[in-house]
Amino acid sequence: MNLKTKRIAVIAIGIAAVALFTAGLILLPDPIVMQIQADGSAGTTLPKLIGLLLPLALTGVFAWLYYKNGTTKHLLVSILGIALFILTFFINR
């Protein structure tokens, strides 16, 4: 992948991560559920800021590593961070 395409991918992933982080701060309840148990009850809860910073950091760090190294697995892990945001929204709906 050339440098311009790589830069566009990293910027798009970064914008999506920041938008989901901001939406989570506004929309989600204060203790957010990070894991659910087999019966559907809340297993692990975290404060909203910490629970949203984890996928943001995962996305940001691996998007930067993808930009610097160009390894596809770094891109996939940064996309996984976006998926974790979506999963957090789904669990806390």
C-alpha atoms as a PDB file:
ATOM      1  CA  MET A   1       0.000   0.000   0.000  1.00  0.00           C
ATOM      2  CA  ASN A   2       1.417   3.383  -0.878  1.00  0.00           C
ATOM      3  CA  LEU A   3       1.929   6.177   1.625  1.00  0.00           C
ATOM      4  CA  LYS A   4      -1.095   8.240   0.551  1.00  0.00           C
ATOM      5  CA  THR A   5      -3.518   5.331   0.913  1.00  0.00           C
ATOM      6  CA  LYS A   6      -1.977   4.405   4.251  1.00  0.00           C
ATOM      7  CA  ARG A   7      -2.358   7.977   5.488  1.00  0.00           C
ATOM      8  CA  ILE A   8      -6.018   8.105   4.420  1.00  0.00           C
ATOM      9  CA  ALA A   9      -6.755   4.798   6.184  1.00  0.00           C
ATOM     10  CA  VAL A  10      -5.107   5.946   9.426  1.00  0.00           C
ATOM     11  CA  ILE A  11      -6.933   9.293   9.377  1.00  0.00           C
ATOM     12  CA  ALA A  12     -10.300   7.612   8.695  1.00  0.00           C
ATOM     13  CA  ILE A  13      -9.786   5.117  11.524  1.00  0.00           C
ATOM     14  CA  GLY A  14      -8.692   7.913  13.860  1.00  0.00           C
ATOM     15  CA  ILE A  15     -11.724  10.059  13.055  1.00  0.00           C
ATOM     16  CA  ALA A  16     -14.052   7.088  13.571  1.00  0.00           C
ATOM     17  CA  ALA A  17     -12.434   6.253  16.925  1.00  0.00           C
ATOM     18  CA  VAL A  18     -12.649   9.833  18.217  1.00  0.00           C
ATOM     19  CA  ALA A  19     -16.267  10.129  17.030  1.00  0.00           C
ATOM     20  CA  LEU A  20     -17.241   6.888  18.787  1.00  0.00           C
ATOM     21  CA  PHE A  21     -15.381   7.960  21.937  1.00  0.00           C
ATOM     22  CA  THR A  22     -17.224  11.289  21.994  1.00  0.00           C
ATOM     23  CA  ALA A  23     -20.585   9.650  21.298  1.00  0.00           C
ATOM     24  CA  GLY A  24     -19.920   7.183  24.106  1.00  0.00           C
ATOM     25  CA  LEU A  25     -19.189   9.971  26.563  1.00  0.00           C
ATOM     26  CA  ILE A  26     -22.501  11.572  25.693  1.00  0.00           C
ATOM     27  CA  LEU A  27     -24.791   8.568  25.245  1.00  0.00           C
ATOM     28  CA  LEU A  28     -23.605   5.755  27.529  1.00  0.00           C
ATOM     29  CA  PRO A  29     -24.465   5.450  31.246  1.00  0.00           C
ATOM     30  CA  ASP A  30     -21.776   6.219  33.806  1.00  0.00           C
ATOM     31  CA  PRO A  31     -20.751   2.704  34.843  1.00  0.00           C
ATOM     32  CA  ILE A  32     -20.561   0.871  31.520  1.00  0.00           C
ATOM     33  CA  VAL A  33     -20.794  -2.892  31.237  1.00  0.00           C
ATOM     34  CA  MET A  34     -17.715  -4.441  29.628  1.00  0.00           C
ATOM     35  CA  GLN A  35     -18.595  -8.137  30.069  1.00  0.00           C
ATOM     36  CA  ILE A  36     -21.874  -9.952  30.390  1.00  0.00           C
ATOM     37  CA  GLN A  37     -22.468 -13.245  32.127  1.00  0.00           C
ATOM     38  CA  ALA A  38     -24.195 -16.281  30.634  1.00  0.00           C
ATOM     39  CA  ASP A  39     -27.543 -15.296  32.166  1.00  0.00           C
ATOM     40  CA  GLY A  40     -27.346 -11.817  30.589  1.00  0.00           C
ATOM     41  CA  SER A  41     -26.525  -9.878  33.737  1.00  0.00           C
ATOM     42  CA  ALA A  42     -23.654  -7.414  34.014  1.00  0.00           C
ATOM     43  CA  GLY A  43     -20.376  -9.170  34.733  1.00  0.00           C
ATOM     44  CA  THR A  44     -17.706  -6.486  34.734  1.00  0.00           C
ATOM     45  CA  THR A  45     -18.387  -2.763  34.886  1.00  0.00           C
ATOM     46  CA  LEU A  46     -15.956   0.109  34.495  1.00  0.00           C
ATOM     47  CA  PRO A  47     -16.208   3.869  34.840  1.00  0.00           C
ATOM     48  CA  LYS A  48     -17.230   5.388  31.524  1.00  0.00           C
ATOM     49  CA  LEU A  49     -13.944   7.219  30.874  1.00  0.00           C
ATOM     50  CA  ILE A  50     -11.738   4.172  31.462  1.00  0.00           C
ATOM     51  CA  GLY A  51     -14.039   1.861  29.525  1.00  0.00           C
ATOM     52  CA  LEU A  52     -13.945   4.154  26.500  1.00  0.00           C
ATOM     53  CA  LEU A  53     -10.233   4.966  26.696  1.00  0.00           C
ATOM     54  CA  LEU A  54      -9.274   1.285  26.317  1.00  0.00           C
ATOM     55  CA  PRO A  55     -10.597   0.826  22.734  1.00  0.00           C
ATOM     56  CA  LEU A  56      -9.493   4.365  21.837  1.00  0.00           C
ATOM     57  CA  ALA A  57      -5.928   3.607  22.929  1.00  0.00           C
ATOM     58  CA  LEU A  58      -5.979   0.237  21.171  1.00  0.00           C
ATOM     59  CA  THR A  59      -7.159   1.856  17.956  1.00  0.00           C
ATOM     60  CA  GLY A  60      -4.769   4.791  18.167  1.00  0.00           C
ATOM     61  CA  VAL A  61      -1.634   2.838  19.005  1.00  0.00           C
ATOM     62  CA  PHE A  62      -2.125   0.180  16.346  1.00  0.00           C
ATOM     63  CA  ALA A  63      -3.177   2.706  13.689  1.00  0.00           C
ATOM     64  CA  TRP A  64       0.090   4.562  14.374  1.00  0.00           C
ATOM     65  CA  LEU A  65       2.059   1.311  14.194  1.00  0.00           C
ATOM     66  CA  TYR A  66       0.384   0.519  10.883  1.00  0.00           C
ATOM     67  CA  TYR A  67       1.339   3.944   9.568  1.00  0.00           C
ATOM     68  CA  LYS A  68       4.971   3.507  10.624  1.00  0.00           C
ATOM     69  CA  ASN A  69       5.508  -0.185   9.734  1.00  0.00           C
ATOM     70  CA  GLY A  70       2.808  -1.004   7.193  1.00  0.00           C
ATOM     71  CA  THR A  71       2.053  -4.411   8.709  1.00  0.00           C
ATOM     72  CA  THR A  72      -1.475  -5.588   7.947  1.00  0.00           C
ATOM     73  CA  LYS A  73      -1.968  -7.114  11.397  1.00  0.00           C
ATOM     74  CA  HIS A  74      -1.580  -3.650  12.956  1.00  0.00           C
ATOM     75  CA  LEU A  75      -4.381  -2.407  10.718  1.00  0.00           C
ATOM     76  CA  LEU A  76      -6.579  -5.335  11.709  1.00  0.00           C
ATOM     77  CA  VAL A  77      -6.028  -4.723  15.430  1.00  0.00           C
ATOM     78  CA  SER A  78      -6.904  -1.041  15.015  1.00  0.00           C
ATOM     79  CA  ILE A  79     -10.120  -2.064  13.248  1.00  0.00           C
ATOM     80  CA  LEU A  80     -10.744  -4.457  16.146  1.00  0.00           C
ATOM     81  CA  GLY A  81     -10.641  -1.411  18.436  1.00  0.00           C
ATOM     82  CA  ILE A  82     -13.477   0.125  16.393  1.00  0.00           C
ATOM     83  CA  ALA A  83     -15.369  -3.162  16.720  1.00  0.00           C
ATOM     84  CA  LEU A  84     -14.892  -3.017  20.507  1.00  0.00           C
ATOM     85  CA  PHE A  85     -16.516   0.423  20.527  1.00  0.00           C
ATOM     86  CA  ILE A  86     -19.502  -0.961  18.615  1.00  0.00           C
ATOM     87  CA  LEU A  87     -19.728  -3.944  20.968  1.00  0.00           C
ATOM     88  CA  THR A  88     -19.654  -1.608  23.987  1.00  0.00           C
ATOM     89  CA  PHE A  89     -22.534   0.402  22.519  1.00  0.00           C
ATOM     90  CA  PHE A  90     -24.470  -2.804  21.827  1.00  0.00           C
ATOM     91  CA  ILE A  91     -23.999  -4.211  25.343  1.00  0.00           C
ATOM     92  CA  ASN A  92     -24.971  -0.913  27.005  1.00  0.00           C
ATOM     93  CA  ARG A  93     -27.997  -0.089  24.867  1.00  0.00           C
END
